[in-house]
């Protein structure tokens, strides 16, 4: 593997792993705690907070799969990759849509 590719992979991992971790931890915090209640407004509704948490968690998993797993394991089964990334993207989109609907109602 060329040195240039290893360095660019290292930089990508150094940025993408903390990004995905931060999104996932934020999502878990919002889902399992009463977090967000202190913010007031639309975040006083528990359903909105859980929806944002699920969306954040799914987005963190999607970022990790797209930025890290696809680069580290380029020969992974395309069917398995599409299933994982597609399901995380679908959960992210549906949770975001649900939060939008809850905020309008």
Protein backbone atom coordinates (compact mmCIF):
# COMPACT_ATOMS: atom_id res chain seq x y z
CA UNK A 1 0.00 0.00 0.00
CA UNK A 2 1.47 3.36 -0.99
CA UNK A 3 2.52 5.73 1.79
CA UNK A 4 0.23 8.45 0.48
CA UNK A 5 -2.83 6.17 0.74
CA UNK A 6 -1.90 5.10 4.27
CA UNK A 7 -1.53 8.73 5.36
CA UNK A 8 -4.84 9.80 3.83
CA UNK A 9 -6.53 6.79 5.45
CA UNK A 10 -5.02 7.78 8.78
CA UNK A 11 -6.28 11.34 8.48
CA UNK A 12 -9.73 10.10 7.49
CA UNK A 13 -9.84 7.74 10.47
CA UNK A 14 -8.61 10.46 12.82
CA UNK A 15 -11.52 12.68 11.77
CA UNK A 16 -14.32 10.18 11.11
CA UNK A 17 -14.01 8.01 14.22
CA UNK A 18 -14.46 10.87 16.75
CA UNK A 19 -17.24 12.33 14.57
CA UNK A 20 -19.17 9.04 14.50
CA UNK A 21 -18.47 8.45 18.20
CA UNK A 22 -19.75 11.91 19.16
CA UNK A 23 -22.98 11.42 17.18
CA UNK A 24 -23.54 7.97 18.67
CA UNK A 25 -22.86 9.04 22.25
CA UNK A 26 -25.13 12.07 21.85
CA UNK A 27 -27.88 9.83 20.50
CA UNK A 28 -27.55 7.34 23.35
CA UNK A 29 -27.54 10.17 25.89
CA UNK A 30 -30.71 11.65 24.43
CA UNK A 31 -32.47 8.27 24.28
CA UNK A 32 -31.60 6.97 27.75
CA UNK A 33 -31.60 10.13 29.84
CA UNK A 34 -33.97 12.96 30.41
CA UNK A 35 -31.56 15.13 28.44
CA UNK A 36 -32.98 17.98 26.49
CA UNK A 37 -35.65 18.87 29.02
CA UNK A 38 -33.52 21.74 30.28
CA UNK A 39 -33.41 23.19 26.76
CA UNK A 40 -37.14 23.86 26.77
CA UNK A 41 -39.20 24.59 23.67
CA UNK A 42 -39.74 21.64 21.37
CA UNK A 43 -37.18 19.64 23.37
CA UNK A 44 -39.51 19.55 26.36
CA UNK A 45 -41.50 16.84 24.50
CA UNK A 46 -39.91 13.47 25.30
CA UNK A 47 -40.93 11.99 21.91
CA UNK A 48 -38.97 14.69 20.07
CA UNK A 49 -35.90 14.11 22.26
CA UNK A 50 -36.02 10.33 21.66
CA UNK A 51 -36.55 10.89 17.93
CA UNK A 52 -33.53 13.19 17.73
CA UNK A 53 -31.55 10.64 19.75
CA UNK A 54 -32.45 7.79 17.41
CA UNK A 55 -31.63 9.97 14.43
CA UNK A 56 -28.26 10.95 15.91
CA UNK A 57 -27.39 7.36 16.76
CA UNK A 58 -28.28 6.12 13.27
CA UNK A 59 -26.33 8.99 11.71
CA UNK A 60 -23.28 8.11 13.81
CA UNK A 61 -23.45 4.51 12.64
CA UNK A 62 -23.89 5.61 9.03
CA UNK A 63 -20.89 7.96 9.20
CA UNK A 64 -18.78 5.16 10.68
CA UNK A 65 -19.81 2.69 7.99
CA UNK A 66 -19.36 5.14 5.12
CA UNK A 67 -16.11 6.78 6.20
CA UNK A 68 -14.31 4.02 8.10
CA UNK A 69 -15.59 0.57 7.24
CA UNK A 70 -15.73 1.14 3.48
CA UNK A 71 -12.10 2.32 3.47
CA UNK A 72 -10.65 -0.24 5.89
CA UNK A 73 -12.49 -3.23 4.37
CA UNK A 74 -12.80 -2.42 0.64
CA UNK A 75 -13.44 -6.05 -0.35
CA UNK A 76 -16.43 -6.59 1.92
CA UNK A 77 -19.53 -8.19 0.45
CA UNK A 78 -21.43 -5.50 -1.44
CA UNK A 79 -24.74 -7.08 -0.44
CA UNK A 80 -23.85 -6.92 3.25
CA UNK A 81 -22.52 -3.37 2.92
CA UNK A 82 -25.66 -2.18 1.15
CA UNK A 83 -27.85 -3.86 3.76
CA UNK A 84 -26.02 -2.23 6.68
CA UNK A 85 -25.68 1.23 5.18
CA UNK A 86 -29.18 1.16 3.74
CA UNK A 87 -30.79 0.17 7.01
CA UNK A 88 -28.87 2.83 8.97
CA UNK A 89 -29.80 5.44 6.36
CA UNK A 90 -33.43 4.36 6.44
CA UNK A 91 -33.59 4.58 10.25
CA UNK A 92 -31.90 7.99 10.11
CA UNK A 93 -34.32 9.30 7.50
CA UNK A 94 -37.44 7.91 9.17
CA UNK A 95 -36.44 9.23 12.60
CA UNK A 96 -35.73 12.65 11.12
CA UNK A 97 -39.08 12.62 9.33
CA UNK A 98 -40.82 11.58 12.55
CA UNK A 99 -39.19 14.42 14.47
CA UNK A 100 -40.28 16.85 11.78
CA UNK A 101 -43.87 15.61 11.98
CA UNK A 102 -43.84 15.81 15.78
CA UNK A 103 -42.57 19.36 15.66
CA UNK A 104 -45.34 20.40 13.27
CA UNK A 105 -48.11 18.87 15.38
